[in-house]
Amino acid sequence: QVHVVESGGGLAQAGGSLRLSCAASGSIFIINAMGWYRQAPGKQREMVAAITSGGTTNYAASVKGRFSISRDNAKNTMYLQMNSLKPEDTAVYYCNADVTIFTTRYSYWGQGTQVTVSS
């Protein structure tokens, strides 16, 4: 069993910054890709940013140039630095970890952290 926990959400003004963290812990596992997703009220969950074990990143067009994803493999932790925040960034942000336990791959989600950007 792997546990994924997000932290760092909160309230920010437009133009401000927030940093999210996601820590994975549990049984012996290997983390493959990790990603941040978000879901605004009345909308579907969407990918925000993703990063592979080798550090290759991918961003949604709406956040490219403003958000930066990174990970510390030694700590099984991933980060999302969010700059130049906009009201439309308001959503619950979820962390996803694609892990391998022995020879089987699993996908784990965190409980989500609220990000609210005021205009």
Protein backbone atom coordinates (compact mmCIF):
# COMPACT_ATOMS: atom_id res chain seq x y z
CA GLN A 1 0.00 0.00 0.00
CA VAL A 2 1.27 3.44 -0.93
CA HIS A 3 0.01 6.67 0.60
CA VAL A 4 0.10 9.92 -1.31
CA VAL A 5 -0.39 13.17 0.59
CA GLU A 6 -0.57 16.69 -0.79
CA SER A 7 0.15 19.87 1.11
CA GLY A 8 0.63 23.57 0.48
CA GLY A 9 -2.70 24.68 -0.89
CA GLY A 10 -4.44 27.80 0.30
CA LEU A 11 -5.55 31.26 -0.70
CA ALA A 12 -3.55 33.56 -2.95
CA GLN A 13 -4.20 36.78 -4.78
CA ALA A 14 -4.04 37.00 -8.54
CA GLY A 15 -0.43 37.35 -9.56
CA GLY A 16 0.76 35.61 -6.43
CA SER A 17 2.47 32.30 -5.87
CA LEU A 18 1.89 29.02 -4.06
CA ARG A 19 3.95 25.86 -3.79
CA LEU A 20 2.36 22.43 -3.53
CA SER A 21 4.09 19.32 -2.26
CA CYS A 22 3.22 15.67 -2.68
CA ALA A 23 4.86 12.95 -0.62
CA ALA A 24 4.55 9.23 -1.31
CA SER A 25 5.20 6.67 1.39
CA GLY A 26 4.48 3.05 2.19
CA SER A 27 5.62 -0.40 1.19
CA ILE A 28 8.56 -1.13 -1.09
CA PHE A 29 7.81 0.55 -4.38
CA ILE A 30 9.29 2.36 -7.31
CA ILE A 31 7.76 5.63 -8.44
CA ASN A 32 7.46 5.94 -12.18
CA ALA A 33 5.72 9.10 -13.33
CA MET A 34 4.06 11.59 -11.00
CA GLY A 35 1.60 14.27 -11.88
CA TRP A 36 -0.59 17.09 -10.69
CA TYR A 37 -4.22 17.28 -11.70
CA ARG A 38 -6.93 19.75 -10.80
CA GLN A 39 -10.69 19.86 -10.74
CA ALA A 40 -12.69 23.05 -10.60
CA PRO A 41 -16.38 23.05 -9.58
CA GLY A 42 -18.53 21.74 -12.37
CA LYS A 43 -15.57 20.74 -14.51
CA GLN A 44 -13.74 17.53 -15.25
CA ARG A 45 -10.41 16.73 -13.67
CA GLU A 46 -7.56 17.84 -15.91
CA MET A 47 -3.84 17.25 -16.02
CA VAL A 48 -1.80 20.24 -14.95
CA ALA A 49 1.77 18.93 -15.06
CA ALA A 50 3.58 15.62 -15.04
CA ILE A 51 7.14 14.45 -14.54
CA THR A 52 8.80 11.11 -15.27
CA SER A 53 11.33 9.35 -13.09
CA GLY A 54 14.02 10.72 -15.39
CA GLY A 55 12.82 14.29 -15.00
CA THR A 56 11.01 14.81 -18.30
CA THR A 57 8.16 17.26 -17.78
CA ASN A 58 4.89 18.00 -19.49
CA TYR A 59 2.53 20.90 -18.86
CA ALA A 60 -0.99 21.86 -19.78
CA ALA A 61 -1.02 24.80 -22.17
CA SER A 62 -2.91 26.90 -19.64
CA VAL A 63 -0.08 26.76 -17.07
CA LYS A 64 3.02 26.56 -19.24
CA GLY A 65 5.46 29.29 -18.32
CA ARG A 66 3.77 29.93 -14.97
CA PHE A 67 3.96 26.58 -13.18
CA SER A 68 7.02 24.43 -12.61
CA ILE A 69 6.99 20.78 -11.59
CA SER A 70 9.91 19.06 -9.93
CA ARG A 71 10.64 15.99 -7.84
CA ASP A 72 13.11 14.75 -5.28
CA ASN A 73 13.48 11.03 -5.93
CA ALA A 74 15.41 10.48 -2.70
CA LYS A 75 12.46 11.81 -0.71
CA ASN A 76 9.70 10.39 -2.96
CA THR A 77 8.36 13.91 -3.12
CA MET A 78 7.05 16.05 -5.95
CA TYR A 79 6.49 19.80 -6.03
CA LEU A 80 4.46 22.27 -8.06
CA GLN A 81 5.61 25.87 -7.98
CA MET A 82 2.75 28.04 -9.13
CA ASN A 83 3.54 31.62 -10.10
CA SER A 84 1.47 34.38 -11.69
CA LEU A 85 -1.67 32.74 -10.39
CA LYS A 86 -4.99 33.54 -12.02
CA PRO A 87 -8.53 33.18 -10.64
CA GLU A 88 -9.09 30.41 -13.18
CA ASP A 89 -6.40 28.37 -11.40
CA THR A 90 -8.85 27.94 -8.52
CA ALA A 91 -9.49 24.23 -8.07
CA VAL A 92 -8.78 21.21 -5.93
CA TYR A 93 -5.33 19.98 -6.87
CA TYR A 94 -4.61 16.26 -6.76
CA CYS A 95 -1.34 14.40 -6.81
CA ASN A 96 -1.04 11.16 -8.73
CA ALA A 97 1.75 8.64 -8.41
CA ASP A 98 2.29 5.83 -10.90
CA VAL A 99 4.20 3.22 -8.93
CA THR A 100 5.52 -0.31 -9.38
CA ILE A 101 5.27 -2.74 -6.47
CA PHE A 102 7.29 -5.83 -7.34
CA THR A 103 6.12 -6.33 -10.94
CA THR A 104 2.69 -4.68 -10.86
CA ARG A 105 1.92 -1.04 -11.63
CA TYR A 106 -0.57 0.90 -9.60
CA SER A 107 -1.95 4.42 -9.68
CA TYR A 108 -2.46 6.24 -6.40
CA TRP A 109 -4.21 9.54 -5.76
CA GLY A 110 -3.94 11.96 -2.89
CA GLN A 111 -6.94 13.43 -1.14
CA GLY A 112 -6.54 16.80 -2.83
CA THR A 113 -5.65 20.28 -1.64
CA GLN A 114 -7.70 23.39 -2.31
CA VAL A 115 -6.15 26.31 -4.18
CA THR A 116 -8.18 29.50 -4.30
CA VAL A 117 -7.03 32.54 -6.25
CA SER A 118 -8.83 35.81 -5.64
CA SER A 119 -8.98 38.60 -8.19
